Amino acid sequence: MLEVSQVSASYGHHVALQGVDLRIGAGEVVVMLGANGAGKSTLLKCIARLIPSLPGSRIALDGQDLLALPAHAVVEAGIALVPEGRGIF
Protein backbone atom coordinates (compact mmCIF):
# COMPACT_ATOMS: atom_id res chain seq x y z
CA MET A 1 0.00 0.00 0.00
CA LEU A 2 1.24 3.48 -0.87
CA GLU A 3 0.43 6.06 1.78
CA VAL A 4 1.01 9.77 1.21
CA SER A 5 0.26 12.07 4.12
CA GLN A 6 0.52 15.85 4.37
CA VAL A 7 2.89 16.05 1.39
CA SER A 8 3.92 19.58 0.52
CA ALA A 9 6.52 20.78 -1.97
CA SER A 10 7.73 24.07 -3.33
CA TYR A 11 9.83 25.46 -6.14
CA GLY A 12 11.66 28.31 -4.48
CA HIS A 13 9.05 30.51 -2.81
CA HIS A 14 6.20 29.05 -4.91
CA VAL A 15 4.28 26.36 -3.02
CA ALA A 16 3.28 23.70 -5.57
CA LEU A 17 1.66 21.18 -3.18
CA GLN A 18 0.23 21.70 0.25
CA GLY A 19 -0.98 18.94 2.56
CA VAL A 20 -1.77 16.24 -0.01
CA ASP A 21 -3.12 12.94 1.35
CA LEU A 22 -3.44 9.79 -0.75
CA ARG A 23 -3.82 6.09 -0.03
CA ILE A 24 -3.52 3.46 -2.77
CA GLY A 25 -4.13 -0.17 -1.88
CA ALA A 26 -2.43 -3.21 -3.43
CA GLY A 27 -3.83 -3.91 -6.89
CA GLU A 28 -5.64 -0.58 -7.19
CA VAL A 29 -5.37 1.50 -10.35
CA VAL A 30 -5.47 5.24 -9.72
CA VAL A 31 -5.68 8.17 -12.12
CA MET A 32 -4.79 11.76 -11.28
CA LEU A 33 -6.64 14.37 -13.27
CA GLY A 34 -6.21 18.09 -13.12
CA ALA A 35 -5.42 21.26 -14.97
CA ASN A 36 -1.92 22.27 -16.00
CA GLY A 37 -0.04 23.44 -12.95
CA ALA A 38 -2.29 21.60 -10.48
CA GLY A 39 0.62 19.61 -9.00
CA LYS A 40 0.17 16.16 -10.54
CA SER A 41 3.76 15.82 -11.75
CA THR A 42 5.12 17.42 -8.59
CA LEU A 43 3.32 14.84 -6.44
CA LEU A 44 4.69 11.99 -8.56
CA LYS A 45 8.19 13.46 -8.37
CA CYS A 46 7.91 13.71 -4.58
CA ILE A 47 6.81 10.08 -4.33
CA ALA A 48 9.71 8.99 -6.56
CA ARG A 49 12.10 11.17 -4.51
CA LEU A 50 13.14 13.21 -7.56
CA ILE A 51 12.34 16.44 -5.73
CA PRO A 52 12.29 17.00 -1.97
CA SER A 53 9.06 17.32 -0.06
CA LEU A 54 8.74 19.86 2.74
CA PRO A 55 9.10 18.96 6.44
CA GLY A 56 6.03 17.22 7.85
CA SER A 57 5.46 15.19 4.68
CA ARG A 58 5.16 11.40 4.94
CA ILE A 59 5.42 8.91 2.07
CA ALA A 60 5.42 5.18 2.82
CA LEU A 61 5.24 2.03 0.71
CA ASP A 62 4.06 -1.06 2.58
CA GLY A 63 4.96 0.69 5.83
CA GLN A 64 8.51 1.58 4.73
CA ASP A 65 9.33 5.30 4.97
CA LEU A 66 10.40 6.32 1.46
CA LEU A 67 11.59 9.73 2.63
CA ALA A 68 14.34 8.04 4.63
CA LEU A 69 15.68 6.30 1.52
CA PRO A 70 17.95 7.57 -1.25
CA ALA A 71 16.33 7.73 -4.70
CA HIS A 72 17.93 4.50 -5.95
CA ALA A 73 16.51 2.59 -2.97
CA VAL A 74 13.04 3.95 -3.74
CA VAL A 75 13.32 2.40 -7.22
CA GLU A 76 14.45 -0.88 -5.68
CA ALA A 77 11.37 -0.75 -3.42
CA GLY A 78 9.15 -0.60 -6.53
CA ILE A 79 8.54 3.10 -7.22
CA ALA A 80 9.68 4.61 -10.52
CA LEU A 81 8.63 7.57 -12.63
CA VAL A 82 8.78 7.33 -16.42
CA PRO A 83 8.40 10.80 -17.91
CA GLU A 84 6.27 11.47 -20.95
CA GLY A 85 8.05 12.64 -24.06
CA ARG A 86 10.68 11.60 -26.49
CA GLY A 87 13.71 13.17 -24.78
CA ILE A 88 14.23 10.50 -22.11
CA PHE A 89 17.86 9.81 -23.03
C-alpha atoms as a PDB file:
ATOM      1  CA  MET A   1       0.000   0.000   0.000  1.00  0.00           C
ATOM      2  CA  LEU A   2       1.244   3.479  -0.871  1.00  0.00           C
ATOM      3  CA  GLU A   3       0.427   6.065   1.779  1.00  0.00           C
ATOM      4  CA  VAL A   4       1.012   9.773   1.205  1.00  0.00           C
ATOM      5  CA  SER A   5       0.255  12.071   4.118  1.00  0.00           C
ATOM      6  CA  GLN A   6       0.516  15.853   4.370  1.00  0.00           C
ATOM      7  CA  VAL A   7       2.892  16.052   1.391  1.00  0.00           C
ATOM      8  CA  SER A   8       3.918  19.579   0.519  1.00  0.00           C
ATOM      9  CA  ALA A   9       6.515  20.780  -1.967  1.00  0.00           C
ATOM     10  CA  SER A  10       7.734  24.068  -3.333  1.00  0.00           C
ATOM     11  CA  TYR A  11       9.827  25.457  -6.136  1.00  0.00           C
ATOM     12  CA  GLY A  12      11.664  28.312  -4.481  1.00  0.00           C
ATOM     13  CA  HIS A  13       9.052  30.505  -2.814  1.00  0.00           C
ATOM     14  CA  HIS A  14       6.204  29.054  -4.906  1.00  0.00           C
ATOM     15  CA  VAL A  15       4.276  26.357  -3.020  1.00  0.00           C
ATOM     16  CA  ALA A  16       3.283  23.697  -5.574  1.00  0.00           C
ATOM     17  CA  LEU A  17       1.662  21.185  -3.184  1.00  0.00           C
ATOM     18  CA  GLN A  18       0.229  21.700   0.250  1.00  0.00           C
ATOM     19  CA  GLY A  19      -0.975  18.938   2.559  1.00  0.00           C
ATOM     20  CA  VAL A  20      -1.775  16.237  -0.009  1.00  0.00           C
ATOM     21  CA  ASP A  21      -3.125  12.936   1.350  1.00  0.00           C
ATOM     22  CA  LEU A  22      -3.437   9.789  -0.745  1.00  0.00           C
ATOM     23  CA  ARG A  23      -3.820   6.087  -0.032  1.00  0.00           C
ATOM     24  CA  ILE A  24      -3.516   3.457  -2.766  1.00  0.00           C
ATOM     25  CA  GLY A  25      -4.129  -0.172  -1.881  1.00  0.00           C
ATOM     26  CA  ALA A  26      -2.433  -3.206  -3.426  1.00  0.00           C
ATOM     27  CA  GLY A  27      -3.826  -3.912  -6.894  1.00  0.00           C
ATOM     28  CA  GLU A  28      -5.640  -0.582  -7.192  1.00  0.00           C
ATOM     29  CA  VAL A  29      -5.369   1.497 -10.348  1.00  0.00           C
ATOM     30  CA  VAL A  30      -5.469   5.242  -9.719  1.00  0.00           C
ATOM     31  CA  VAL A  31      -5.684   8.168 -12.118  1.00  0.00           C
ATOM     32  CA  MET A  32      -4.791  11.760 -11.276  1.00  0.00           C
ATOM     33  CA  LEU A  33      -6.642  14.368 -13.273  1.00  0.00           C
ATOM     34  CA  GLY A  34      -6.207  18.093 -13.116  1.00  0.00           C
ATOM     35  CA  ALA A  35      -5.417  21.259 -14.971  1.00  0.00           C
ATOM     36  CA  ASN A  36      -1.917  22.268 -16.001  1.00  0.00           C
ATOM     37  CA  GLY A  37      -0.037  23.438 -12.946  1.00  0.00           C
ATOM     38  CA  ALA A  38      -2.290  21.598 -10.479  1.00  0.00           C
ATOM     39  CA  GLY A  39       0.624  19.614  -8.997  1.00  0.00           C
ATOM     40  CA  LYS A  40       0.166  16.156 -10.536  1.00  0.00           C
ATOM     41  CA  SER A  41       3.757  15.818 -11.747  1.00  0.00           C
ATOM     42  CA  THR A  42       5.115  17.419  -8.594  1.00  0.00           C
ATOM     43  CA  LEU A  43       3.322  14.843  -6.445  1.00  0.00           C
ATOM     44  CA  LEU A  44       4.690  11.987  -8.559  1.00  0.00           C
ATOM     45  CA  LYS A  45       8.194  13.462  -8.372  1.00  0.00           C
ATOM     46  CA  CYS A  46       7.911  13.708  -4.584  1.00  0.00           C
ATOM     47  CA  ILE A  47       6.807  10.080  -4.333  1.00  0.00           C
ATOM     48  CA  ALA A  48       9.711   8.989  -6.565  1.00  0.00           C
ATOM     49  CA  ARG A  49      12.098  11.173  -4.515  1.00  0.00           C
ATOM     50  CA  LEU A  50      13.136  13.205  -7.560  1.00  0.00           C
ATOM     51  CA  ILE A  51      12.336  16.438  -5.734  1.00  0.00           C
ATOM     52  CA  PRO A  52      12.286  16.999  -1.972  1.00  0.00           C
ATOM     53  CA  SER A  53       9.057  17.323  -0.061  1.00  0.00           C
ATOM     54  CA  LEU A  54       8.736  19.859   2.736  1.00  0.00           C
ATOM     55  CA  PRO A  55       9.100  18.959   6.440  1.00  0.00           C
ATOM     56  CA  GLY A  56       6.035  17.219   7.849  1.00  0.00           C
ATOM     57  CA  SER A  57       5.459  15.187   4.685  1.00  0.00           C
ATOM     58  CA  ARG A  58       5.157  11.404   4.937  1.00  0.00           C
ATOM     59  CA  ILE A  59       5.416   8.915   2.071  1.00  0.00           C
ATOM     60  CA  ALA A  60       5.418   5.178   2.816  1.00  0.00           C
ATOM     61  CA  LEU A  61       5.235   2.033   0.710  1.00  0.00           C
ATOM     62  CA  ASP A  62       4.062  -1.063   2.575  1.00  0.00           C
ATOM     63  CA  GLY A  63       4.959   0.694   5.834  1.00  0.00           C
ATOM     64  CA  GLN A  64       8.508   1.583   4.732  1.00  0.00           C
ATOM     65  CA  ASP A  65       9.326   5.299   4.969  1.00  0.00           C
ATOM     66  CA  LEU A  66      10.400   6.321   1.459  1.00  0.00           C
ATOM     67  CA  LEU A  67      11.591   9.729   2.627  1.00  0.00           C
ATOM     68  CA  ALA A  68      14.340   8.044   4.635  1.00  0.00           C
ATOM     69  CA  LEU A  69      15.683   6.300   1.522  1.00  0.00           C
ATOM     70  CA  PRO A  70      17.951   7.565  -1.255  1.00  0.00           C
ATOM     71  CA  ALA A  71      16.331   7.734  -4.702  1.00  0.00           C
ATOM     72  CA  HIS A  72      17.928   4.501  -5.954  1.00  0.00           C
ATOM     73  CA  ALA A  73      16.510   2.589  -2.972  1.00  0.00           C
ATOM     74  CA  VAL A  74      13.036   3.948  -3.741  1.00  0.00           C
ATOM     75  CA  VAL A  75      13.320   2.403  -7.224  1.00  0.00           C
ATOM     76  CA  GLU A  76      14.446  -0.878  -5.678  1.00  0.00           C
ATOM     77  CA  ALA A  77      11.370  -0.746  -3.419  1.00  0.00           C
ATOM     78  CA  GLY A  78       9.150  -0.600  -6.530  1.00  0.00           C
ATOM     79  CA  ILE A  79       8.536   3.097  -7.216  1.00  0.00           C
ATOM     80  CA  ALA A  80       9.677   4.609 -10.516  1.00  0.00           C
ATOM     81  CA  LEU A  81       8.625   7.575 -12.632  1.00  0.00           C
ATOM     82  CA  VAL A  82       8.777   7.328 -16.419  1.00  0.00           C
ATOM     83  CA  PRO A  83       8.398  10.800 -17.910  1.00  0.00           C
ATOM     84  CA  GLU A  84       6.267  11.475 -20.951  1.00  0.00           C
ATOM     85  CA  GLY A  85       8.052  12.643 -24.055  1.00  0.00           C
ATOM     86  CA  ARG A  86      10.681  11.599 -26.489  1.00  0.00           C
ATOM     87  CA  GLY A  87      13.710  13.175 -24.784  1.00  0.00           C
ATOM     88  CA  ILE A  88      14.232  10.503 -22.113  1.00  0.00           C
ATOM     89  CA  PHE A  89      17.856   9.808 -23.026  1.00  0.00           C
END
